[in-house]
Structures are given as structure tokens and as C-alpha cells.
Amino acid sequence: MNIHSQARTTPKIREEIRDSKGKMTLEAAAKHFNVSRSTILKWRGRESMNDRSHRPHQVHTALTPIQEEIVVELRRTLLLTVDDLLVVTREFIKQDMVRSPLIRLLKRHQANRLQDLYAAQSGESETDKPKTFKNYGPGYIHVDV
């Protein structure tokens, strides 16, 4: 069983709090267990003595699910860079779209790495990828293998 690292109560104490419902008042239980009144109310109302997740139940997104599908499909078929995809999204889908939610959207749908999309579209693996040359100035050329 996972307990929150800063929890002031153990599962055994939580059960005692739940069982003290008819025996002690709210203030007396708070004083006895050395916790707040809200903690007493919380554990008296729960059946499970486990900590709940603190992660959000619903992901807040900038686009509707249909708009998300369109943007991801544009990325996969046209192989647009993030900046180009942002321009297209602003022009035709959502005018006030910004870059960071677009990047999160692409990561959620595993469409954030353009190299992977190139390889998937051409049927190559990462090892079959041709070498690329980057020129960092006079006399220095970097080769990606």
C-alpha cells in the first residue's frame, strides 16, 4: 500500500478515525488523533483507507478531440515542423493557438519527433537513416551517424 510521504496518519489510525464516528465528537477526535477537523471528516466519510491520486482526472486541452485528430493527421501526413504546423493551426483551426499546447498535443499522440515520422512514412528504421551533415562554421563539419 502506498502512503503519501507527508501523511500524518497511517491506515490503522485512519480506521480508528472512521470507527470513532459514534464514540467521539469531531473536536474530540481531532484533539485525540492530533489532526485537523477536515482530516477527521475526510477519513470518516471514506470506505478505503488508501491515499487517492493527486493527478487530474481530466486532461485540459486547447483543442477539441476532433481538432486534435486533424492537427495530428496533418503532422503525420504532411510532415510539418512544429512552427509550420502552428501557422496552419492558427490559420484554419484555432486563431489563438500557442506553441506549448501544440507540443504537448504532439507528445500525447507520439507525433512529436519528426525523424520518427519520416522513418515511419518511408518504411526505414533509425539504423537505415542516411547520414546528415551539419555545418557549424568554417573548417568544422559535424556528421550525425
N, C-alpha and C. Protein backbone atom coordinates (compact mmCIF):
# COMPACT_ATOMS: atom_id res chain seq x y z
N MET A 1 0.84 -1.18 0.00
CA MET A 1 0.00 0.00 0.00
C MET A 1 0.88 1.23 0.00
N ASN A 2 0.55 2.19 -0.83
CA ASN A 2 1.31 3.43 -0.91
C ASN A 2 0.68 4.48 0.00
N ILE A 3 1.51 5.11 0.79
CA ILE A 3 1.06 6.20 1.65
C ILE A 3 1.81 7.44 1.23
N HIS A 4 1.12 8.55 1.18
CA HIS A 4 1.73 9.82 0.82
C HIS A 4 2.90 10.10 1.76
N SER A 5 3.98 10.63 1.23
CA SER A 5 5.19 10.82 2.03
C SER A 5 5.01 11.78 3.19
N GLN A 6 4.06 12.71 3.08
CA GLN A 6 3.86 13.67 4.16
C GLN A 6 2.56 13.42 4.92
N ALA A 7 2.02 12.20 4.82
CA ALA A 7 0.78 11.87 5.51
C ALA A 7 1.01 11.85 7.02
N ARG A 8 0.04 12.39 7.76
CA ARG A 8 0.16 12.41 9.22
C ARG A 8 -0.54 11.23 9.85
N THR A 9 -1.24 10.44 9.04
CA THR A 9 -1.97 9.30 9.57
C THR A 9 -1.59 8.03 8.83
N THR A 10 -1.63 6.91 9.53
CA THR A 10 -1.39 5.61 8.92
C THR A 10 -2.74 4.95 8.65
N PRO A 11 -2.76 3.88 7.86
CA PRO A 11 -4.04 3.21 7.63
C PRO A 11 -4.73 2.74 8.91
N LYS A 12 -3.96 2.33 9.91
CA LYS A 12 -4.55 1.89 11.18
C LYS A 12 -5.23 3.07 11.90
N ILE A 13 -4.56 4.21 11.93
CA ILE A 13 -5.15 5.40 12.56
C ILE A 13 -6.37 5.85 11.78
N ARG A 14 -6.32 5.76 10.46
CA ARG A 14 -7.47 6.14 9.64
C ARG A 14 -8.68 5.27 9.95
N GLU A 15 -8.45 3.97 10.17
CA GLU A 15 -9.56 3.09 10.54
C GLU A 15 -10.11 3.47 11.92
N GLU A 16 -9.22 3.81 12.83
CA GLU A 16 -9.66 4.24 14.16
C GLU A 16 -10.49 5.52 14.06
N ILE A 17 -10.07 6.44 13.20
CA ILE A 17 -10.83 7.67 13.00
C ILE A 17 -12.21 7.34 12.45
N ARG A 18 -12.27 6.44 11.48
CA ARG A 18 -13.56 6.07 10.90
C ARG A 18 -14.45 5.39 11.95
N ASP A 19 -13.87 4.54 12.79
CA ASP A 19 -14.65 3.83 13.80
C ASP A 19 -15.07 4.72 14.97
N SER A 20 -14.43 5.89 15.11
CA SER A 20 -14.76 6.78 16.22
C SER A 20 -15.96 7.66 15.93
N LYS A 21 -16.64 7.42 14.85
CA LYS A 21 -17.74 8.30 14.41
C LYS A 21 -18.83 8.45 15.45
N GLY A 22 -19.29 7.39 16.04
CA GLY A 22 -20.36 7.50 17.03
C GLY A 22 -19.85 7.68 18.45
N LYS A 23 -18.56 7.50 18.67
CA LYS A 23 -18.00 7.50 20.02
C LYS A 23 -17.45 8.86 20.45
N MET A 24 -16.90 9.63 19.48
CA MET A 24 -16.29 10.93 19.81
C MET A 24 -16.87 12.02 18.93
N THR A 25 -16.88 13.22 19.49
CA THR A 25 -17.28 14.37 18.66
C THR A 25 -16.14 14.70 17.70
N LEU A 26 -16.43 15.56 16.78
CA LEU A 26 -15.44 15.95 15.77
C LEU A 26 -14.23 16.61 16.43
N GLU A 27 -14.48 17.53 17.35
CA GLU A 27 -13.38 18.24 18.02
C GLU A 27 -12.57 17.30 18.91
N ALA A 28 -13.24 16.41 19.61
CA ALA A 28 -12.54 15.48 20.50
C ALA A 28 -11.66 14.52 19.69
N ALA A 29 -12.16 14.05 18.55
CA ALA A 29 -11.38 13.15 17.71
C ALA A 29 -10.17 13.89 17.12
N ALA A 30 -10.36 15.14 16.70
CA ALA A 30 -9.26 15.93 16.15
C ALA A 30 -8.16 16.11 17.20
N LYS A 31 -8.56 16.37 18.44
CA LYS A 31 -7.59 16.56 19.51
C LYS A 31 -6.90 15.24 19.86
N HIS A 32 -7.69 14.16 19.91
CA HIS A 32 -7.15 12.85 20.28
C HIS A 32 -6.14 12.34 19.25
N PHE A 33 -6.44 12.48 17.98
CA PHE A 33 -5.55 11.97 16.92
C PHE A 33 -4.54 13.01 16.44
N ASN A 34 -4.62 14.23 16.98
CA ASN A 34 -3.70 15.31 16.65
C ASN A 34 -3.70 15.64 15.16
N VAL A 35 -4.90 15.76 14.60
CA VAL A 35 -5.08 16.15 13.20
C VAL A 35 -6.18 17.19 13.13
N SER A 36 -6.38 17.76 11.96
CA SER A 36 -7.40 18.80 11.82
C SER A 36 -8.81 18.21 11.72
N ARG A 37 -9.79 19.07 11.89
CA ARG A 37 -11.20 18.64 11.78
C ARG A 37 -11.49 18.14 10.37
N SER A 38 -10.89 18.79 9.36
CA SER A 38 -11.15 18.36 7.98
C SER A 38 -10.59 16.95 7.73
N THR A 39 -9.48 16.61 8.40
CA THR A 39 -8.92 15.27 8.26
C THR A 39 -9.87 14.24 8.87
N ILE A 40 -10.44 14.57 10.00
CA ILE A 40 -11.41 13.66 10.65
C ILE A 40 -12.61 13.46 9.74
N LEU A 41 -13.13 14.55 9.18
CA LEU A 41 -14.29 14.44 8.28
C LEU A 41 -13.94 13.61 7.05
N LYS A 42 -12.74 13.82 6.52
CA LYS A 42 -12.33 13.09 5.32
C LYS A 42 -12.30 11.58 5.57
N TRP A 43 -11.64 11.14 6.65
CA TRP A 43 -11.49 9.71 6.88
C TRP A 43 -12.75 9.07 7.43
N ARG A 44 -13.62 9.84 8.06
CA ARG A 44 -14.90 9.27 8.49
C ARG A 44 -15.82 9.02 7.30
N GLY A 45 -15.64 9.76 6.23
CA GLY A 45 -16.51 9.60 5.07
C GLY A 45 -16.02 8.62 4.03
N ARG A 46 -14.85 8.07 4.20
CA ARG A 46 -14.29 7.17 3.19
C ARG A 46 -14.39 5.71 3.60
N GLU A 47 -14.54 4.87 2.59
CA GLU A 47 -14.53 3.43 2.84
C GLU A 47 -13.12 2.88 2.75
N SER A 48 -12.34 3.36 1.79
CA SER A 48 -10.98 2.89 1.60
C SER A 48 -10.02 3.75 2.43
N MET A 49 -9.01 3.13 3.00
CA MET A 49 -8.04 3.84 3.80
C MET A 49 -6.78 4.20 3.01
N ASN A 50 -6.82 3.99 1.68
CA ASN A 50 -5.69 4.31 0.82
C ASN A 50 -5.73 5.77 0.41
N ASP A 51 -4.55 6.32 0.12
CA ASP A 51 -4.48 7.67 -0.42
C ASP A 51 -4.96 7.66 -1.86
N ARG A 52 -5.63 8.71 -2.26
CA ARG A 52 -6.08 8.83 -3.64
C ARG A 52 -5.03 9.57 -4.45
N SER A 53 -5.14 9.42 -5.76
CA SER A 53 -4.21 10.08 -6.65
C SER A 53 -4.45 11.58 -6.63
N HIS A 54 -3.36 12.34 -6.78
CA HIS A 54 -3.46 13.80 -6.85
C HIS A 54 -3.39 14.30 -8.28
N ARG A 55 -3.28 13.39 -9.22
CA ARG A 55 -3.23 13.78 -10.63
C ARG A 55 -4.62 14.16 -11.10
N PRO A 56 -4.72 15.06 -12.05
CA PRO A 56 -6.03 15.45 -12.55
C PRO A 56 -6.71 14.29 -13.28
N HIS A 57 -8.02 14.19 -13.12
CA HIS A 57 -8.77 13.12 -13.77
C HIS A 57 -9.01 13.41 -15.24
N GLN A 58 -8.94 14.66 -15.59
CA GLN A 58 -9.23 15.07 -16.96
C GLN A 58 -8.11 15.98 -17.45
N VAL A 59 -7.60 15.68 -18.63
CA VAL A 59 -6.53 16.50 -19.21
C VAL A 59 -7.17 17.71 -19.88
N HIS A 60 -6.72 18.90 -19.52
CA HIS A 60 -7.24 20.11 -20.13
C HIS A 60 -6.46 20.39 -21.41
N THR A 61 -7.17 20.51 -22.50
CA THR A 61 -6.53 20.72 -23.79
C THR A 61 -7.03 22.00 -24.42
N ALA A 62 -6.26 22.50 -25.37
CA ALA A 62 -6.62 23.74 -26.06
C ALA A 62 -7.59 23.47 -27.20
N LEU A 63 -7.60 22.25 -27.72
CA LEU A 63 -8.42 21.91 -28.88
C LEU A 63 -9.45 20.84 -28.52
N THR A 64 -10.49 20.75 -29.32
CA THR A 64 -11.47 19.68 -29.15
C THR A 64 -10.84 18.38 -29.67
N PRO A 65 -11.39 17.23 -29.31
CA PRO A 65 -10.82 15.97 -29.80
C PRO A 65 -10.77 15.87 -31.33
N ILE A 66 -11.78 16.40 -32.00
CA ILE A 66 -11.78 16.35 -33.47
C ILE A 66 -10.67 17.24 -34.03
N GLN A 67 -10.51 18.44 -33.45
CA GLN A 67 -9.44 19.33 -33.88
C GLN A 67 -8.07 18.70 -33.63
N GLU A 68 -7.93 18.01 -32.50
CA GLU A 68 -6.67 17.33 -32.19
C GLU A 68 -6.35 16.29 -33.25
N GLU A 69 -7.34 15.50 -33.64
CA GLU A 69 -7.12 14.48 -34.66
C GLU A 69 -6.68 15.11 -35.98
N ILE A 70 -7.29 16.22 -36.34
CA ILE A 70 -6.92 16.91 -37.58
C ILE A 70 -5.47 17.38 -37.53
N VAL A 71 -5.08 18.00 -36.41
CA VAL A 71 -3.71 18.52 -36.28
C VAL A 71 -2.70 17.38 -36.32
N VAL A 72 -2.97 16.29 -35.61
CA VAL A 72 -2.05 15.16 -35.60
C VAL A 72 -1.95 14.53 -36.99
N GLU A 73 -3.07 14.41 -37.67
CA GLU A 73 -3.05 13.84 -39.02
C GLU A 73 -2.29 14.75 -39.99
N LEU A 74 -2.43 16.05 -39.84
CA LEU A 74 -1.64 16.98 -40.65
C LEU A 74 -0.15 16.77 -40.42
N ARG A 75 0.21 16.61 -39.17
CA ARG A 75 1.62 16.40 -38.83
C ARG A 75 2.14 15.10 -39.46
N ARG A 76 1.35 14.04 -39.34
CA ARG A 76 1.80 12.74 -39.83
C ARG A 76 1.84 12.65 -41.36
N THR A 77 0.89 13.29 -42.03
CA THR A 77 0.85 13.16 -43.49
C THR A 77 1.73 14.18 -44.19
N LEU A 78 1.71 15.43 -43.73
CA LEU A 78 2.49 16.47 -44.40
C LEU A 78 3.90 16.63 -43.83
N LEU A 79 4.15 16.00 -42.69
CA LEU A 79 5.45 16.08 -42.02
C LEU A 79 5.89 17.52 -41.80
N LEU A 80 4.99 18.32 -41.25
CA LEU A 80 5.27 19.73 -41.00
C LEU A 80 6.09 19.89 -39.73
N THR A 81 6.94 20.90 -39.70
CA THR A 81 7.64 21.24 -38.47
C THR A 81 6.63 21.83 -37.49
N VAL A 82 7.03 21.95 -36.24
CA VAL A 82 6.11 22.49 -35.23
C VAL A 82 5.70 23.92 -35.58
N ASP A 83 6.65 24.72 -36.02
CA ASP A 83 6.34 26.11 -36.35
C ASP A 83 5.40 26.20 -37.56
N ASP A 84 5.63 25.37 -38.58
CA ASP A 84 4.74 25.36 -39.73
C ASP A 84 3.35 24.85 -39.35
N LEU A 85 3.32 23.82 -38.51
CA LEU A 85 2.04 23.28 -38.05
C LEU A 85 1.28 24.31 -37.22
N LEU A 86 2.01 25.09 -36.45
CA LEU A 86 1.39 26.15 -35.65
C LEU A 86 0.76 27.21 -36.56
N VAL A 87 1.44 27.57 -37.63
CA VAL A 87 0.89 28.54 -38.57
C VAL A 87 -0.39 28.01 -39.20
N VAL A 88 -0.38 26.75 -39.63
CA VAL A 88 -1.56 26.15 -40.25
C VAL A 88 -2.70 26.06 -39.24
N THR A 89 -2.38 25.67 -38.00
CA THR A 89 -3.40 25.56 -36.96
C THR A 89 -4.02 26.92 -36.66
N ARG A 90 -3.19 27.95 -36.58
CA ARG A 90 -3.71 29.30 -36.33
C ARG A 90 -4.57 29.80 -37.48
N GLU A 91 -4.21 29.44 -38.68
CA GLU A 91 -4.91 29.93 -39.86
C GLU A 91 -6.27 29.25 -40.05
N PHE A 92 -6.32 27.94 -39.84
CA PHE A 92 -7.52 27.20 -40.21
C PHE A 92 -8.29 26.56 -39.05
N ILE A 93 -7.68 26.38 -37.88
CA ILE A 93 -8.35 25.64 -36.81
C ILE A 93 -8.64 26.51 -35.60
N LYS A 94 -7.61 27.12 -35.02
CA LYS A 94 -7.82 27.96 -33.82
C LYS A 94 -6.85 29.13 -33.88
N GLN A 95 -7.40 30.34 -33.95
CA GLN A 95 -6.59 31.54 -34.16
C GLN A 95 -5.66 31.85 -32.99
N ASP A 96 -6.06 31.55 -31.77
CA ASP A 96 -5.25 31.90 -30.61
C ASP A 96 -4.39 30.74 -30.09
N MET A 97 -4.12 29.78 -30.94
CA MET A 97 -3.29 28.63 -30.55
C MET A 97 -1.86 29.08 -30.31
N VAL A 98 -1.23 28.53 -29.27
CA VAL A 98 0.17 28.83 -28.98
C VAL A 98 1.00 27.56 -29.08
N ARG A 99 2.29 27.72 -29.01
CA ARG A 99 3.20 26.63 -29.32
C ARG A 99 3.22 25.52 -28.26
N SER A 100 3.23 25.85 -26.98
CA SER A 100 3.39 24.84 -25.93
C SER A 100 2.25 23.81 -25.89
N PRO A 101 0.97 24.22 -25.99
CA PRO A 101 -0.07 23.17 -26.03
C PRO A 101 0.02 22.31 -27.28
N LEU A 102 0.50 22.89 -28.37
CA LEU A 102 0.67 22.12 -29.60
C LEU A 102 1.74 21.04 -29.41
N ILE A 103 2.82 21.40 -28.76
CA ILE A 103 3.88 20.41 -28.50
C ILE A 103 3.38 19.32 -27.56
N ARG A 104 2.63 19.69 -26.51
CA ARG A 104 2.07 18.68 -25.60
C ARG A 104 1.12 17.74 -26.33
N LEU A 105 0.32 18.31 -27.24
CA LEU A 105 -0.60 17.50 -28.04
C LEU A 105 0.17 16.49 -28.88
N LEU A 106 1.23 16.93 -29.53
CA LEU A 106 2.01 16.02 -30.36
C LEU A 106 2.69 14.94 -29.53
N LYS A 107 3.15 15.28 -28.34
CA LYS A 107 3.75 14.28 -27.46
C LYS A 107 2.72 13.25 -27.01
N ARG A 108 1.50 13.70 -26.69
CA ARG A 108 0.44 12.78 -26.27
C ARG A 108 0.11 11.76 -27.35
N HIS A 109 0.21 12.17 -28.60
CA HIS A 109 -0.14 11.30 -29.72
C HIS A 109 1.10 10.69 -30.39
N GLN A 110 2.26 10.75 -29.73
CA GLN A 110 3.51 10.21 -30.23
C GLN A 110 3.83 10.70 -31.64
N ALA A 111 3.58 11.97 -31.88
CA ALA A 111 3.89 12.58 -33.18
C ALA A 111 4.84 13.76 -33.00
N ASN A 112 5.62 13.76 -31.93
CA ASN A 112 6.47 14.90 -31.63
C ASN A 112 7.84 14.83 -32.31
N ARG A 113 8.31 13.64 -32.65
CA ARG A 113 9.63 13.51 -33.29
C ARG A 113 9.46 13.38 -34.80
N LEU A 114 9.88 14.39 -35.50
CA LEU A 114 9.73 14.40 -36.95
C LEU A 114 10.58 13.31 -37.62
N GLN A 115 11.73 13.00 -37.03
CA GLN A 115 12.58 11.94 -37.58
C GLN A 115 11.86 10.59 -37.55
N ASP A 116 11.14 10.31 -36.47
CA ASP A 116 10.39 9.05 -36.38
C ASP A 116 9.27 9.01 -37.42
N LEU A 117 8.65 10.15 -37.65
CA LEU A 117 7.58 10.20 -38.64
C LEU A 117 8.13 10.01 -40.05
N TYR A 118 9.30 10.59 -40.33
CA TYR A 118 9.95 10.38 -41.63
C TYR A 118 10.23 8.89 -41.84
N ALA A 119 10.80 8.25 -40.80
CA ALA A 119 11.15 6.84 -40.89
C ALA A 119 9.90 5.97 -41.06
N ALA A 120 8.84 6.30 -40.34
CA ALA A 120 7.60 5.52 -40.44
C ALA A 120 6.98 5.67 -41.83
N GLN A 121 7.07 6.85 -42.40
CA GLN A 121 6.46 7.07 -43.70
C GLN A 121 7.27 6.42 -44.83
N SER A 122 8.58 6.41 -44.68
CA SER A 122 9.41 5.82 -45.73
C SER A 122 9.67 4.34 -45.50
N GLY A 123 9.30 3.82 -44.33
CA GLY A 123 9.49 2.40 -44.03
C GLY A 123 10.89 2.07 -43.56
N GLU A 124 11.68 3.06 -43.23
CA GLU A 124 13.04 2.85 -42.75
C GLU A 124 13.05 2.74 -41.24
N SER A 125 14.12 2.15 -40.72
CA SER A 125 14.33 2.17 -39.28
C SER A 125 15.35 3.26 -38.99
N GLU A 126 15.64 3.49 -37.72
CA GLU A 126 16.62 4.52 -37.35
C GLU A 126 18.01 4.18 -37.88
N THR A 127 18.33 2.87 -38.00
CA THR A 127 19.65 2.49 -38.47
C THR A 127 19.79 2.69 -39.97
N ASP A 128 18.68 2.67 -40.73
CA ASP A 128 18.74 2.86 -42.17
C ASP A 128 18.79 4.33 -42.57
N LYS A 129 18.67 5.21 -41.60
CA LYS A 129 18.62 6.64 -41.88
C LYS A 129 19.95 7.10 -42.47
N PRO A 130 19.91 7.90 -43.52
CA PRO A 130 21.17 8.38 -44.11
C PRO A 130 21.86 9.38 -43.18
N LYS A 131 23.18 9.51 -43.36
CA LYS A 131 23.94 10.45 -42.55
C LYS A 131 23.56 11.87 -42.92
N THR A 132 23.50 12.74 -41.93
CA THR A 132 23.22 14.15 -42.18
C THR A 132 24.45 14.95 -41.78
N PHE A 133 24.73 15.98 -42.55
CA PHE A 133 25.88 16.82 -42.30
C PHE A 133 25.41 18.18 -41.80
N LYS A 134 26.06 18.66 -40.75
CA LYS A 134 25.73 19.97 -40.21
C LYS A 134 26.99 20.83 -40.28
N ASN A 135 26.85 22.00 -40.84
CA ASN A 135 27.97 22.90 -40.97
C ASN A 135 27.91 23.92 -39.84
N TYR A 136 28.88 23.84 -38.90
CA TYR A 136 28.91 24.75 -37.77
C TYR A 136 29.87 25.90 -37.97
N GLY A 137 30.30 26.14 -39.15
CA GLY A 137 31.22 27.24 -39.41
C GLY A 137 32.37 26.77 -40.27
N PRO A 138 33.25 27.69 -40.59
CA PRO A 138 34.37 27.33 -41.49
C PRO A 138 35.28 26.31 -40.83
N GLY A 139 35.56 25.26 -41.58
CA GLY A 139 36.50 24.26 -41.11
C GLY A 139 35.93 23.22 -40.17
N TYR A 140 34.65 23.27 -39.85
CA TYR A 140 34.09 22.29 -38.91
C TYR A 140 32.80 21.75 -39.48
N ILE A 141 32.75 20.47 -39.69
CA ILE A 141 31.54 19.80 -40.17
C ILE A 141 31.24 18.65 -39.23
N HIS A 142 30.01 18.58 -38.74
CA HIS A 142 29.60 17.52 -37.82
C HIS A 142 28.78 16.49 -38.58
N VAL A 143 29.08 15.22 -38.40
CA VAL A 143 28.35 14.16 -39.08
C VAL A 143 27.53 13.40 -38.07
N ASP A 144 26.18 13.35 -38.22
CA ASP A 144 25.32 12.53 -37.38
C ASP A 144 25.29 11.13 -37.96
N VAL A 145 25.63 10.15 -37.13
CA VAL A 145 25.63 8.77 -37.59
C VAL A 145 24.40 8.06 -37.12
